[in-house]
Amino acid sequence: MTIPYLYMLPVELWFVCWAYCSRRQLRRLALVCRLFRSICFPVLLSHQSADVPALVEGLDHDNWIHYVHHLHRMSLRFDSLAASPLHALHVISWKVGVFVPLVQQWSFPPPAQEALRMFLHRRMMPLGNHDFSHIQHIGVFNTLRERLITTFLAKLGAYSNLVSLSIQGVTMDAGLRATLQSLSKLEELIMEGCEISPPDGALLNVQRFTSCWPRRKTALLRAAATGDRTRSLRLVHPEHLLHLALPDASTASSLLRGFSTSTFSVLQHLELYRDIDITELLHLLQRCPILQSLVIPSLHRNTSLPIAPPPQTAAPLLQALTAPWDAISAFAASRPIGSVTALSKGGGLPISTDNIKELLVQVSRGSTTDIRSLALPETESTSDALQLVATFCPALVELVLDVHDRRVAGIARVIGGVNQPVEDTRVPKFDDETAFDDLPPEYLSDCEDDGETTATQANPSSYRDMLIILSSVLDQGDLPSSLTTVHIRPPRLLHKCPVPEYTVHRLPNHNHLHIGLGSTGLCDAHSCTSVQLSRRDAAAQAAATIQMMLQLENSNQS
């Protein structure tokens, strides 16, 4: 007897249920029945992405045929989506990365080749993976790339409900600018490694704008990149911006010059590039009357310390500040700074206890409100840092402690000593009708790996650092009573076995801690999202987990 599951719950509840599913699971649910398809299909269409740079990074001499067919299927999906106006109406977010065409063989003079080899070696990148001279038909990759981007740009105007657009490696020409201006619901524009030509034209009325270089390994592109930083670029209307992020100096200088003396009347969040000039920064802040959040990775090396407090007219409502630890006190003066993220200097060296004390004293005196959120870089002594926090931050609610990233080097391949690969004359065969037949098993599986795989490994000492910091938190008896959450953030670049991110919650009026462990990547038995333990049990649980991870890491290395 068939169970009438379709009528057991209202449609609205099915919507709620499937909201917890991944995209891969939604694709399989859409095949169950027409009702589930009508529920899942709009959700699947709402967020679209095509990441060609990720394919290029993973491209090698063995898998290039597989990746070319993957790009072919991606192109067919673009064609199908663009051909259906009804489907296009469901799309609210597009993320497209195409980047420069794949170069079959890089040719540099010997001095430049050696410099590039060292550049790649420091970033664990093999230049050999970017040499495809032995693959006779690798050019088809560029042909499909051009097909994909041509289809996307030609049909972009059909996505009339588009709210967010992220593009990578695309030229912002007059045609694309006009298309974006026609998308009345567009609120967010993210440009990574994009050229703006012509530099002037109609301004876009977006609320959130980001212009940067991709965070991925773009050494070859950066090595060949040229640009005039003295020119002026005008793309977005400053008076409509709520969020502005310009973390890359190569584009930020030109865009800021394009804003001229305009006032950012509604801007609430501003993220700037490294080594910014203090005079330019203060001039910019004077034009941000309601700015609430500011991110400054670093100031120019010629900046005189200590920094004089900015005038009261420069971001007077600032509430959240991320900056080098020795610059925070100046910007916190006479402002309601309640959230502070201190950044280390000198290549990420641990910050001293004296520096932490100086920071907390100055901020507590200068800010017009109590610090409720504090993030500190790696410190020389966690116990001393916690004592200072207890003294100078009595109203603290959230504390973030970072673990230094200790990497295991020496695993990168370099140019010298690499055997010349055998010439590859294989010819990819494409058939639009059968492109989605016989898909690889991983395309049909419900199993998903949300973590990124990288060739960089974390030193086991990073795990020990996690335990030391966690133990210091558990043993600290005089932390502020208002403190409810402590985050201990692990290094980001890990290999297969990631360090869990510990979240320690203090339960009011109880001598217990609520400890949330991130996914350890070991097995379900050792992955827990919330457990209530006593202080001693919590320390033992953390020690056992990290010890198990150490053993697994050692076995992986052996």
Protein backbone atom coordinates (compact mmCIF):
# COMPACT_ATOMS: atom_id res chain seq x y z
CA MET A 1 0.00 0.00 0.00
CA THR A 2 1.36 3.40 -0.99
CA ILE A 3 1.69 5.93 1.81
CA PRO A 4 -0.01 9.24 0.82
CA TYR A 5 2.95 11.27 2.01
CA LEU A 6 2.08 14.21 -0.26
CA TYR A 7 -1.04 14.94 1.78
CA MET A 8 0.38 14.27 5.24
CA LEU A 9 1.83 17.77 5.50
CA PRO A 10 0.85 21.15 4.08
CA VAL A 11 3.01 22.39 1.22
CA GLU A 12 4.39 25.14 3.46
CA LEU A 13 5.92 22.52 5.77
CA TRP A 14 7.56 20.73 2.86
CA PHE A 15 9.18 24.06 2.00
CA VAL A 16 10.56 24.27 5.53
CA CYS A 17 11.81 20.67 5.46
CA TRP A 18 13.66 20.97 2.19
CA ALA A 19 15.24 24.25 3.27
CA TYR A 20 17.64 22.17 5.37
CA CYS A 21 18.82 20.11 2.39
CA SER A 22 21.95 20.65 0.37
CA ARG A 23 21.79 21.44 -3.32
CA ARG A 24 22.79 17.90 -4.21
CA GLN A 25 20.01 16.48 -2.06
CA LEU A 26 17.50 18.93 -3.54
CA ARG A 27 18.40 17.75 -7.03
CA ARG A 28 17.52 14.19 -6.05
CA LEU A 29 14.34 15.24 -4.24
CA ALA A 30 13.19 17.06 -7.36
CA LEU A 31 13.04 13.68 -9.11
CA VAL A 32 10.58 12.16 -6.61
CA CYS A 33 7.34 13.75 -7.80
CA ARG A 34 5.88 16.87 -9.35
CA LEU A 35 5.09 18.46 -5.99
CA PHE A 36 8.65 18.10 -4.73
CA ARG A 37 9.94 19.33 -8.06
CA SER A 38 7.79 22.46 -7.82
CA ILE A 39 9.21 23.07 -4.34
CA CYS A 40 12.86 22.25 -4.97
CA PHE A 41 13.30 23.62 -8.46
CA PRO A 42 12.94 27.34 -7.59
CA VAL A 43 15.36 26.86 -4.69
CA LEU A 44 17.88 25.15 -6.95
CA LEU A 45 17.59 27.90 -9.54
CA SER A 46 17.83 30.76 -7.04
CA HIS A 47 21.61 30.56 -6.63
CA GLN A 48 23.69 29.84 -9.73
CA SER A 49 27.46 29.50 -9.99
CA ALA A 50 30.14 28.60 -12.52
CA ASP A 51 33.71 28.49 -11.27
CA VAL A 52 36.08 28.03 -14.20
CA PRO A 53 39.18 29.15 -12.22
CA ALA A 54 38.59 26.23 -9.84
CA LEU A 55 38.69 23.87 -12.82
CA VAL A 56 41.90 25.46 -14.08
CA GLU A 57 43.55 25.05 -10.68
CA GLY A 58 42.69 21.36 -10.59
CA LEU A 59 43.59 20.75 -14.22
CA ASP A 60 46.49 18.37 -14.78
CA HIS A 61 47.85 15.96 -17.36
CA ASP A 62 45.60 13.10 -16.22
CA ASN A 63 42.19 14.69 -15.71
CA TRP A 64 41.99 17.34 -18.41
CA ILE A 65 39.52 15.31 -20.51
CA HIS A 66 37.22 14.91 -17.50
CA TYR A 67 37.40 18.65 -16.74
CA VAL A 68 36.72 19.62 -20.35
CA HIS A 69 33.53 17.53 -20.32
CA HIS A 70 32.57 19.14 -17.02
CA LEU A 71 32.95 22.56 -18.63
CA HIS A 72 30.86 21.36 -21.58
CA ARG A 73 28.01 20.37 -19.25
CA MET A 74 28.32 23.73 -17.54
CA SER A 75 27.94 25.48 -20.89
CA LEU A 76 24.83 23.43 -21.69
CA ARG A 77 23.32 24.38 -18.36
CA PHE A 78 23.92 28.04 -19.17
CA ASP A 79 22.25 27.62 -22.56
CA SER A 80 19.23 25.85 -21.10
CA LEU A 81 18.72 28.33 -18.28
CA ALA A 82 19.06 31.33 -20.59
CA ALA A 83 16.56 29.81 -23.04
CA SER A 84 13.80 29.64 -20.41
CA PRO A 85 12.52 33.07 -19.28
CA LEU A 86 10.39 31.43 -16.57
CA HIS A 87 13.40 29.69 -15.04
CA ALA A 88 15.46 32.88 -15.24
CA LEU A 89 12.93 34.66 -13.02
CA HIS A 90 13.82 32.33 -10.13
CA VAL A 91 17.50 33.31 -10.17
CA ILE A 92 18.41 35.83 -7.47
CA SER A 93 22.15 35.18 -7.22
CA TRP A 94 24.84 34.56 -9.85
CA LYS A 95 28.51 33.81 -9.20
CA VAL A 96 30.57 33.45 -12.36
CA GLY A 97 34.33 33.12 -12.64
CA VAL A 98 36.00 32.79 -16.03
CA PHE A 99 39.37 34.53 -15.80
CA VAL A 100 41.98 34.72 -18.51
CA PRO A 101 42.18 32.06 -21.25
CA LEU A 102 44.20 28.97 -20.43
CA VAL A 103 47.75 29.36 -21.73
CA GLN A 104 49.11 26.22 -23.38
CA GLN A 105 52.71 27.09 -22.58
CA TRP A 106 54.17 29.96 -20.56
CA SER A 107 57.29 31.52 -22.04
CA PHE A 108 59.47 33.71 -19.84
CA PRO A 109 63.10 34.80 -20.18
CA PRO A 110 65.39 32.98 -17.71
CA PRO A 111 65.52 35.78 -15.06
CA ALA A 112 61.72 36.16 -15.04
CA GLN A 113 61.25 32.38 -15.01
CA GLU A 114 63.44 32.02 -11.94
CA ALA A 115 61.63 34.86 -10.16
CA LEU A 116 58.26 33.30 -10.98
CA ARG A 117 59.47 29.87 -9.87
CA MET A 118 60.39 31.28 -6.45
CA PHE A 119 57.08 33.17 -6.30
CA LEU A 120 55.16 29.97 -6.88
CA HIS A 121 57.37 27.91 -4.57
CA ARG A 122 56.60 30.19 -1.62
CA ARG A 123 52.88 29.63 -2.29
CA MET A 124 53.14 25.86 -2.74
CA MET A 125 52.29 26.17 -6.46
CA PRO A 126 53.98 24.08 -9.16
CA LEU A 127 54.67 25.91 -12.40
CA GLY A 128 54.69 22.56 -14.16
CA ASN A 129 50.92 22.29 -13.73
CA HIS A 130 50.53 25.39 -15.89
CA ASP A 131 52.47 23.98 -18.84
CA PHE A 132 50.16 22.12 -21.24
CA SER A 133 52.40 22.22 -24.30
CA HIS A 134 52.27 18.41 -24.60
CA ILE A 135 48.42 18.36 -24.75
CA GLN A 136 47.60 18.85 -28.40
CA HIS A 137 43.91 19.76 -28.03
CA ILE A 138 43.92 21.68 -24.74
CA GLY A 139 42.68 24.72 -26.68
CA VAL A 140 39.16 23.30 -26.58
CA PHE A 141 39.09 24.39 -22.94
CA ASN A 142 39.33 28.03 -24.07
CA THR A 143 36.67 27.47 -26.73
CA LEU A 144 34.19 26.24 -24.12
CA ARG A 145 35.20 29.05 -21.79
CA GLU A 146 34.35 31.61 -24.47
CA ARG A 147 31.04 29.88 -25.15
CA LEU A 148 30.14 29.99 -21.48
CA ILE A 149 30.93 33.66 -20.89
CA THR A 150 29.33 34.74 -24.19
CA THR A 151 26.07 33.01 -23.26
CA PHE A 152 26.11 34.43 -19.76
CA LEU A 153 26.72 38.04 -20.79
CA ALA A 154 24.24 37.86 -23.66
CA LYS A 155 21.41 36.63 -21.41
CA LEU A 156 22.28 38.42 -18.17
CA GLY A 157 19.51 40.96 -18.69
CA ALA A 158 16.93 38.16 -18.57
CA TYR A 159 17.54 37.64 -14.84
CA SER A 160 15.26 40.51 -13.85
CA ASN A 161 15.00 39.36 -10.22
CA LEU A 162 18.77 39.19 -9.73
CA VAL A 163 19.80 40.56 -6.34
CA SER A 164 23.46 39.52 -6.08
CA LEU A 165 26.09 39.20 -8.81
CA SER A 166 29.68 38.02 -8.36
CA ILE A 167 31.89 38.05 -11.45
CA GLN A 168 35.52 37.05 -11.81
CA GLY A 169 37.82 37.80 -14.72
CA VAL A 170 35.14 39.63 -16.72
CA THR A 171 35.69 42.99 -18.42
CA MET A 172 33.21 45.64 -17.29
CA ASP A 173 32.59 47.27 -20.65
CA ALA A 174 29.85 49.67 -21.70
CA GLY A 175 27.51 46.83 -22.68
CA LEU A 176 27.80 45.02 -19.35
CA ARG A 177 27.43 48.30 -17.47
CA ALA A 178 24.20 49.03 -19.35
CA THR A 179 22.89 45.53 -18.66
CA LEU A 180 23.55 45.85 -14.92
CA GLN A 181 21.86 49.22 -14.87
CA SER A 182 18.72 47.59 -16.29
CA LEU A 183 18.59 45.09 -13.38
CA SER A 184 16.51 47.20 -11.01
CA LYS A 185 16.65 44.70 -8.11
CA LEU A 186 20.44 44.30 -8.11
CA GLU A 187 21.75 45.12 -4.63
CA GLU A 188 25.18 43.48 -4.47
CA LEU A 189 28.05 43.50 -6.98
CA ILE A 190 31.31 41.63 -6.34
CA MET A 191 34.12 41.99 -8.88
CA GLU A 192 37.24 39.84 -8.60
CA GLY A 193 40.12 40.49 -10.97
CA CYS A 194 37.90 42.48 -13.35
CA GLU A 195 38.96 45.21 -15.73
CA ILE A 196 36.78 48.35 -15.98
CA SER A 197 36.90 49.73 -19.50
CA PRO A 198 35.84 52.38 -20.28
CA PRO A 199 36.60 53.87 -16.85
CA ASP A 200 33.54 56.15 -16.83
CA GLY A 201 29.85 55.83 -17.59
CA ALA A 202 26.46 55.49 -15.94
CA LEU A 203 26.75 54.74 -12.21
CA LEU A 204 25.17 51.62 -10.72
CA ASN A 205 22.82 52.04 -7.76
CA VAL A 206 23.95 48.97 -5.81
CA GLN A 207 23.99 48.85 -2.01
CA ARG A 208 26.97 46.51 -1.54
CA PHE A 209 30.09 46.69 -3.70
CA THR A 210 33.34 44.71 -3.52
CA SER A 211 36.31 44.97 -5.86
CA CYS A 212 39.32 42.75 -5.22
CA TRP A 213 41.65 40.05 -6.49
CA PRO A 214 40.48 36.48 -6.02
CA ARG A 215 41.72 34.84 -2.84
CA ARG A 216 42.77 31.77 -4.76
CA LYS A 217 46.22 31.06 -6.11
CA THR A 218 46.54 33.66 -8.87
CA ALA A 219 50.30 33.94 -9.06
CA LEU A 220 50.49 33.63 -12.84
CA LEU A 221 47.80 36.23 -13.34
CA ARG A 222 49.32 38.59 -10.80
CA ALA A 223 52.76 38.15 -12.34
CA ALA A 224 51.46 39.22 -15.73
CA ALA A 225 49.03 41.88 -14.47
CA THR A 226 49.60 45.52 -15.33
CA GLY A 227 47.46 48.48 -14.48
CA ASP A 228 47.51 52.25 -14.12
CA ARG A 229 46.77 53.06 -10.49
CA THR A 230 46.73 56.80 -11.21
CA ARG A 231 43.59 56.68 -13.32
CA SER A 232 40.09 57.35 -12.04
CA LEU A 233 37.36 54.69 -12.18
CA ARG A 234 33.65 55.45 -11.76
CA LEU A 235 31.25 52.53 -11.51
CA VAL A 236 28.92 52.73 -8.48
CA HIS A 237 26.99 55.60 -6.95
CA PRO A 238 28.57 56.48 -3.56
CA GLU A 239 25.35 57.84 -2.05
CA HIS A 240 23.60 54.46 -2.34
CA LEU A 241 26.33 52.29 -0.81
CA LEU A 242 25.73 50.54 2.50
CA HIS A 243 28.73 48.20 2.22
CA LEU A 244 32.02 49.00 0.44
CA ALA A 245 34.96 46.57 0.39
CA LEU A 246 38.18 47.50 -1.44
CA PRO A 247 40.79 45.08 -0.05
CA ASP A 248 43.11 45.25 -3.07
CA ALA A 249 45.22 48.38 -3.59
CA SER A 250 45.50 47.98 -7.37
CA THR A 251 41.80 48.70 -7.88
CA ALA A 252 40.99 50.57 -4.66
CA SER A 253 43.17 53.58 -5.46
CA SER A 254 41.48 54.14 -8.82
CA LEU A 255 37.97 53.62 -7.45
CA LEU A 256 38.53 55.94 -4.49
CA ARG A 257 39.86 58.53 -6.89
CA GLY A 258 36.68 58.12 -8.91
CA PHE A 259 34.56 58.86 -5.85
CA SER A 260 36.38 62.20 -5.64
CA THR A 261 34.89 64.24 -2.78
CA SER A 262 31.50 62.53 -2.76
CA THR A 263 29.84 61.84 0.58
CA PHE A 264 28.95 58.27 1.53
CA SER A 265 25.77 59.37 3.24
CA VAL A 266 24.41 55.87 4.06
CA LEU A 267 27.63 53.81 4.19
CA GLN A 268 27.72 51.51 7.23
CA HIS A 269 30.62 49.12 6.51
CA LEU A 270 33.99 49.99 4.96
CA GLU A 271 36.85 47.57 4.29
CA LEU A 272 40.10 48.98 2.90
CA TYR A 273 43.37 47.66 1.53
CA ARG A 274 46.70 47.01 3.21
CA ASP A 275 49.26 49.76 3.77
CA ILE A 276 46.77 52.56 3.27
CA ASP A 277 48.05 56.09 3.82
CA ILE A 278 46.74 57.58 7.06
CA THR A 279 46.02 60.95 5.45
CA GLU A 280 43.96 59.34 2.70
CA LEU A 281 42.13 57.25 5.30
CA LEU A 282 41.19 60.24 7.45
CA HIS A 283 40.02 62.17 4.39
CA LEU A 284 37.78 59.23 3.48
CA LEU A 285 36.35 58.83 6.98
CA GLN A 286 35.37 62.49 7.02
CA ARG A 287 32.88 61.64 4.25
CA CYS A 288 31.28 58.72 6.13
CA PRO A 289 28.91 60.33 8.66
CA ILE A 290 27.09 57.14 9.78
CA LEU A 291 29.85 54.53 9.34
CA GLN A 292 29.47 51.74 11.90
CA SER A 293 32.08 49.14 10.90
CA LEU A 294 35.66 49.71 9.66
CA VAL A 295 38.31 47.19 8.56
CA ILE A 296 41.93 48.37 8.14
CA PRO A 297 44.34 45.44 7.53
CA SER A 298 47.43 47.65 7.97
CA LEU A 299 48.65 51.22 7.68
CA HIS A 300 51.48 52.47 5.49
CA ARG A 301 54.89 51.67 6.91
CA ASN A 302 55.76 55.38 7.10
CA THR A 303 52.85 56.09 9.45
CA SER A 304 54.07 57.81 12.61
CA LEU A 305 53.09 56.14 15.88
CA PRO A 306 51.22 56.78 18.06
CA ILE A 307 48.46 57.98 15.74
CA ALA A 308 46.66 61.16 16.69
CA PRO A 309 42.92 60.59 17.23
CA PRO A 310 40.89 61.47 14.13
CA PRO A 311 38.61 64.50 14.35
CA GLN A 312 35.15 63.98 15.76
CA THR A 313 33.62 64.45 12.32
CA ALA A 314 35.38 61.32 11.01
CA ALA A 315 33.06 58.33 11.46
CA PRO A 316 31.59 59.57 14.77
CA LEU A 317 29.19 56.59 15.07
CA LEU A 318 31.82 53.86 14.59
CA GLN A 319 30.92 50.73 16.59
CA ALA A 320 33.07 47.89 15.20
CA LEU A 321 36.76 48.20 14.38
CA THR A 322 39.26 45.76 12.86
CA ALA A 323 42.78 47.17 12.72
CA PRO A 324 46.40 46.64 13.83
CA TRP A 325 46.52 46.58 17.61
CA ASP A 326 48.62 49.77 17.87
CA ALA A 327 46.14 51.78 15.74
CA ILE A 328 42.91 50.78 17.46
CA SER A 329 43.12 53.17 20.42
CA ALA A 330 43.29 56.24 18.16
CA PHE A 331 40.17 55.33 16.19
CA ALA A 332 38.31 54.25 19.34
CA ALA A 333 38.71 57.64 21.01
CA SER A 334 35.34 59.29 21.73
CA ARG A 335 33.46 56.74 19.63
CA PRO A 336 31.00 54.00 20.72
CA ILE A 337 33.38 51.14 19.89
CA GLY A 338 31.83 47.97 21.30
CA SER A 339 33.47 45.41 18.99
CA VAL A 340 37.26 45.24 18.56
CA THR A 341 39.31 42.89 16.39
CA ALA A 342 43.03 43.39 16.96
CA LEU A 343 45.43 42.32 14.21
CA SER A 344 49.05 41.35 14.80
CA LYS A 345 52.00 42.96 13.06
CA GLY A 346 55.36 41.75 11.83
CA GLY A 347 54.30 38.68 9.86
CA GLY A 348 51.77 37.39 12.37
CA LEU A 349 54.12 37.23 15.37
CA PRO A 350 52.41 36.73 18.75
CA ILE A 351 51.36 39.92 20.49
CA SER A 352 52.97 40.54 23.87
CA THR A 353 51.12 40.82 27.16
CA ASP A 354 52.26 44.43 27.54
CA ASN A 355 50.82 45.28 24.13
CA ILE A 356 47.49 43.70 25.05
CA LYS A 357 47.41 45.67 28.27
CA GLU A 358 48.20 48.90 26.43
CA LEU A 359 45.45 48.16 23.90
CA LEU A 360 42.77 47.37 26.47
CA VAL A 361 43.65 50.33 28.70
CA GLN A 362 43.51 52.81 25.83
CA VAL A 363 40.28 51.44 24.36
CA SER A 364 38.50 51.23 27.72
CA ARG A 365 39.43 54.85 28.40
CA GLY A 366 38.71 56.20 24.93
CA SER A 367 35.55 54.39 23.87
CA THR A 368 32.24 55.83 24.98
CA THR A 369 30.81 52.34 25.57
CA ASP A 370 31.94 49.03 27.05
CA ILE A 371 33.65 46.42 24.88
CA ARG A 372 31.22 43.56 24.30
CA SER A 373 33.13 41.68 21.60
CA LEU A 374 36.90 41.25 21.49
CA ALA A 375 39.10 39.27 19.08
CA LEU A 376 42.79 38.89 19.84
CA PRO A 377 45.58 37.45 17.68
CA GLU A 378 47.93 34.82 19.04
CA THR A 379 49.39 35.98 22.33
CA GLU A 380 52.57 35.15 24.20
CA SER A 381 50.59 34.05 27.25
CA THR A 382 46.92 33.13 27.05
CA SER A 383 46.53 33.09 30.83
CA ASP A 384 47.90 36.63 31.19
CA ALA A 385 45.71 37.81 28.32
CA LEU A 386 42.60 36.37 29.96
CA GLN A 387 43.44 38.10 33.23
CA LEU A 388 43.74 41.43 31.41
CA VAL A 389 40.44 40.80 29.66
CA ALA A 390 38.78 40.12 33.01
CA THR A 391 40.17 43.39 34.38
CA PHE A 392 39.49 45.82 31.54
CA CYS A 393 36.43 44.29 29.83
CA PRO A 394 33.85 43.72 32.57
CA ALA A 395 30.92 43.74 30.12
CA LEU A 396 32.48 41.40 27.57
CA VAL A 397 30.04 38.97 25.93
CA GLU A 398 32.15 37.37 23.19
CA LEU A 399 35.87 36.59 23.09
CA VAL A 400 37.79 35.25 20.08
CA LEU A 401 41.28 33.75 20.43
CA ASP A 402 43.34 32.80 17.39
CA VAL A 403 45.75 29.89 17.03
CA HIS A 404 48.84 30.66 14.99
CA ASP A 405 49.09 28.96 11.59
CA ARG A 406 52.16 26.71 11.61
CA ARG A 407 52.55 25.11 8.23
CA VAL A 408 54.61 22.20 7.03
CA ALA A 409 56.59 23.41 4.04
CA GLY A 410 58.71 21.60 1.52
CA ILE A 411 55.96 19.84 -0.40
CA ALA A 412 55.81 22.09 -3.44
CA ARG A 413 57.07 20.96 -6.78
CA VAL A 414 59.38 23.24 -8.71
CA ILE A 415 60.52 23.48 -12.30
CA GLY A 416 63.80 21.70 -11.93
CA GLY A 417 63.81 17.91 -11.92
CA VAL A 418 60.34 17.45 -13.43
CA ASN A 419 60.19 14.82 -16.18
CA GLN A 420 58.83 15.92 -19.52
CA PRO A 421 55.34 14.37 -19.90
CA VAL A 422 54.44 12.26 -22.89
CA GLU A 423 52.61 14.04 -25.70
CA ASP A 424 48.84 13.72 -25.35
CA THR A 425 46.92 13.53 -28.64
CA ARG A 426 43.51 12.58 -27.24
CA VAL A 427 40.55 14.41 -28.80
CA PRO A 428 37.53 15.22 -26.58
CA LYS A 429 34.20 14.30 -28.18
CA PHE A 430 31.15 16.40 -27.43
CA ASP A 431 27.50 15.52 -27.88
CA ASP A 432 24.93 17.87 -26.41
CA GLU A 433 22.26 15.15 -26.44
CA THR A 434 24.24 12.66 -24.33
CA ALA A 435 26.37 15.06 -22.26
CA PHE A 436 24.50 14.22 -19.05
CA ASP A 437 24.46 10.46 -19.59
CA ASP A 438 26.84 8.26 -17.62
CA LEU A 439 27.78 10.95 -15.12
CA PRO A 440 30.61 10.17 -12.68
CA PRO A 441 29.40 8.60 -9.40
CA GLU A 442 30.34 11.66 -7.35
CA TYR A 443 27.78 13.72 -9.32
CA LEU A 444 24.95 11.42 -8.22
CA SER A 445 26.00 10.76 -4.63
CA ASP A 446 24.39 12.37 -1.60
CA CYS A 447 27.76 12.49 0.15
CA GLU A 448 29.23 15.96 0.23
CA ASP A 449 32.59 17.28 1.29
CA ASP A 450 32.17 20.88 2.38
CA GLY A 451 35.81 21.34 3.29
CA GLU A 452 38.37 22.48 0.74
CA THR A 453 41.32 20.22 0.13
CA THR A 454 44.68 21.92 0.08
CA ALA A 455 48.24 20.74 -0.25
CA THR A 456 49.31 22.63 2.84
CA GLN A 457 49.36 20.72 6.11
CA ALA A 458 49.03 22.04 9.62
CA ASN A 459 51.83 21.23 11.99
CA PRO A 460 50.67 19.01 14.88
CA SER A 461 51.82 21.77 17.24
CA SER A 462 48.76 23.72 16.10
CA TYR A 463 46.57 21.06 17.72
CA ARG A 464 48.55 21.30 20.94
CA ASP A 465 48.12 25.07 20.87
CA MET A 466 44.38 24.53 20.69
CA LEU A 467 44.48 22.39 23.81
CA ILE A 468 46.70 24.85 25.70
CA ILE A 469 44.41 27.79 24.94
CA LEU A 470 41.28 25.81 25.75
CA SER A 471 42.77 24.65 29.04
CA SER A 472 43.61 28.26 29.93
CA VAL A 473 40.00 29.28 29.33
CA LEU A 474 38.67 26.40 31.40
CA ASP A 475 41.03 27.13 34.28
CA GLN A 476 40.37 30.88 34.33
CA GLY A 477 38.00 31.51 37.21
CA ASP A 478 37.58 35.30 37.09
CA LEU A 479 36.41 35.93 33.55
CA PRO A 480 33.62 38.53 33.25
CA SER A 481 30.27 37.16 34.37
CA SER A 482 28.70 38.63 31.23
CA LEU A 483 30.91 36.49 28.98
CA THR A 484 28.78 33.89 27.21
CA THR A 485 30.89 32.72 24.28
CA VAL A 486 34.57 32.05 23.64
CA HIS A 487 35.70 31.11 20.12
CA ILE A 488 39.08 29.47 19.61
CA ARG A 489 39.80 29.74 15.92
CA PRO A 490 42.15 27.19 14.33
CA PRO A 491 44.46 27.76 11.37
CA ARG A 492 42.60 27.90 8.07
CA LEU A 493 44.95 25.95 5.82
CA LEU A 494 44.71 22.34 6.93
CA HIS A 495 44.97 18.97 5.24
CA LYS A 496 42.09 16.45 5.41
CA CYS A 497 41.84 16.50 9.19
CA PRO A 498 40.76 20.04 10.16
CA VAL A 499 41.17 21.38 13.67
CA PRO A 500 37.76 21.78 15.29
CA GLU A 501 36.64 25.28 16.16
CA TYR A 502 35.81 25.29 19.85
CA THR A 503 32.95 27.44 21.08
CA VAL A 504 32.80 27.65 24.86
CA HIS A 505 29.49 28.91 26.29
CA ARG A 506 29.27 29.89 29.94
CA LEU A 507 25.97 28.79 31.42
CA PRO A 508 24.64 31.42 33.87
CA ASN A 509 24.72 30.43 37.53
CA HIS A 510 26.21 27.02 36.79
CA ASN A 511 29.72 25.67 37.17
CA HIS A 512 29.45 24.06 33.76
CA LEU A 513 30.54 24.99 30.28
CA HIS A 514 28.70 24.42 27.05
CA ILE A 515 31.30 23.29 24.51
CA GLY A 516 30.51 23.09 20.81
CA LEU A 517 32.98 21.19 18.68
CA GLY A 518 33.18 21.80 14.96
CA SER A 519 33.33 18.82 12.63
CA THR A 520 36.57 17.00 13.36
CA GLY A 521 36.57 15.07 10.12
CA LEU A 522 37.17 11.81 12.03
CA CYS A 523 33.87 9.96 12.28
CA ASP A 524 30.36 10.56 13.53
CA ALA A 525 31.16 9.16 16.95
CA HIS A 526 33.63 11.96 17.59
CA SER A 527 31.69 14.84 16.01
CA CYS A 528 29.39 16.60 18.42
CA THR A 529 27.70 19.94 18.10
CA SER A 530 26.76 20.50 21.72
CA VAL A 531 27.59 18.76 24.97
CA GLN A 532 27.24 19.93 28.55
CA LEU A 533 30.27 19.05 30.62
CA SER A 534 31.90 20.07 33.85
CA ARG A 535 35.19 21.97 33.62
CA ARG A 536 37.24 18.83 34.23
CA ASP A 537 35.19 16.74 31.81
CA ALA A 538 35.41 19.45 29.17
CA ALA A 539 39.19 19.57 29.38
CA ALA A 540 39.38 15.78 29.21
CA GLN A 541 37.05 15.69 26.20
CA ALA A 542 39.12 18.31 24.41
CA ALA A 543 42.38 16.55 25.20
CA ALA A 544 41.05 13.20 23.97
CA THR A 545 39.74 14.69 20.74
CA ILE A 546 42.93 16.56 19.93
CA GLN A 547 45.05 13.53 20.83
CA MET A 548 43.04 11.41 18.40
CA MET A 549 43.50 14.04 15.72
CA LEU A 550 47.23 14.07 16.35
CA GLN A 551 47.38 10.31 15.88
CA LEU A 552 45.43 10.52 12.65
CA GLU A 553 47.61 13.35 11.38
CA ASN A 554 50.77 11.38 12.15
CA SER A 555 49.39 8.33 10.35
CA ASN A 556 48.53 10.46 7.30
CA GLN A 557 52.04 11.89 7.19
CA SER A 558 53.63 8.45 7.51
